[in-house]
Structures are given as structure tokens and as C-alpha cells.
Amino acid sequence: MSRIYNEKIDFEFDEEIYTVKEWEDAIKNGWIWNDCGCGYWVKDDMKSKDEVFSTPPLDATHVTWYSK
């Protein structure tokens, strides 16, 4: 199963980019949680419109995170 990645990452604007492993570690260690911002799944420098706290990673390799 895969998702649609339809927006190119803007590396100047999308500053917080994590690998899926780094993302999972940040959640596990309490550094990031649902109420402190929002994030989207990324693959091949393209992001999806699927929010990370409401969908599984599937084939994503990274997360772009936007803190509040």
C-alpha cells in the first residue's frame, strides 16, 4: 500500500525533517506530541497531505514537522 506524495519539499520552509525512525524515537521519548504541531509523511523529497498522527507511515521515509 502506498500514498500520494504531491508537494515538493521546500527545504528553506520545511526545516524540521526527520527520518521515520527519528520521528518514532521523538514520539517515544516525548519530544514531540500531537498538540505541539502537525506533520506530514515524505518520500523522495515530496510530501503528502496525510497528517502523521492520523495515518500510518506506509511507504514514507521521512516526516516534515511544523511546530506551533
Protein backbone atom coordinates (compact mmCIF):
# COMPACT_ATOMS: atom_id res chain seq x y z
CA MET A 1 0.00 0.00 0.00
CA SER A 2 1.26 3.49 -0.77
CA ARG A 3 0.04 7.08 -0.63
CA ILE A 4 0.15 10.07 -2.93
CA TYR A 5 3.05 12.48 -2.45
CA ASN A 6 2.12 15.59 -4.39
CA GLU A 7 4.00 18.58 -2.99
CA LYS A 8 7.74 19.23 -3.36
CA ILE A 9 9.59 19.83 -0.11
CA ASP A 10 10.82 23.41 0.28
CA PHE A 11 14.00 22.85 2.28
CA GLU A 12 14.09 26.50 3.43
CA PHE A 13 10.50 26.40 4.73
CA ASP A 14 10.26 22.72 5.69
CA GLU A 15 13.13 22.94 8.15
CA GLU A 16 12.23 20.11 10.52
CA ILE A 17 12.58 16.90 8.55
CA TYR A 18 13.02 13.59 10.34
CA THR A 19 13.56 10.06 9.13
CA VAL A 20 10.68 7.80 10.12
CA LYS A 21 12.98 6.18 12.74
CA GLU A 22 13.93 9.59 14.19
CA TRP A 23 10.23 10.51 14.22
CA GLU A 24 9.26 7.33 16.06
CA ASP A 25 12.05 7.94 18.60
CA ALA A 26 10.92 11.55 19.14
CA ILE A 27 7.36 10.36 19.84
CA LYS A 28 8.54 7.54 22.10
CA ASN A 29 10.79 9.89 24.10
CA GLY A 30 8.10 12.58 24.43
CA TRP A 31 9.97 15.26 22.46
CA ILE A 32 7.04 15.63 20.03
CA TRP A 33 3.34 15.02 20.64
CA ASN A 34 0.04 15.62 18.86
CA ASP A 35 -0.73 19.01 20.43
CA CYS A 36 2.65 20.67 19.73
CA GLY A 37 2.27 20.96 15.94
CA CYS A 38 1.50 18.95 12.81
CA GLY A 39 3.46 16.85 10.37
CA TYR A 40 3.16 15.11 7.02
CA TRP A 41 4.68 11.99 5.50
CA VAL A 42 7.51 12.43 2.98
CA LYS A 43 9.09 10.24 0.29
CA ASP A 44 11.62 11.21 -2.41
CA ASP A 45 11.53 14.91 -1.37
CA MET A 46 7.75 15.03 -1.89
CA LYS A 47 5.22 15.38 0.93
CA SER A 48 1.73 14.02 1.22
CA LYS A 49 -1.37 15.66 2.67
CA ASP A 50 -1.67 12.80 5.17
CA GLU A 51 -1.14 14.03 8.73
CA VAL A 52 1.27 11.86 10.73
CA PHE A 53 -0.90 11.42 13.82
CA SER A 54 -3.92 10.21 11.84
CA THR A 55 -2.33 7.88 9.28
CA PRO A 56 0.35 5.14 9.33
CA PRO A 57 3.76 5.69 7.68
CA LEU A 58 3.16 3.10 4.91
CA ASP A 59 5.96 3.73 2.37
CA ALA A 60 7.11 7.11 3.77
CA THR A 61 10.79 7.59 4.51
CA HIS A 62 10.62 10.93 6.34
CA VAL A 63 8.35 13.34 8.20
CA THR A 64 8.21 17.11 7.84
CA TRP A 65 7.14 18.72 11.11
CA TYR A 66 5.68 22.17 11.81
CA SER A 67 5.82 23.22 15.48
CA LYS A 68 3.17 25.52 16.89
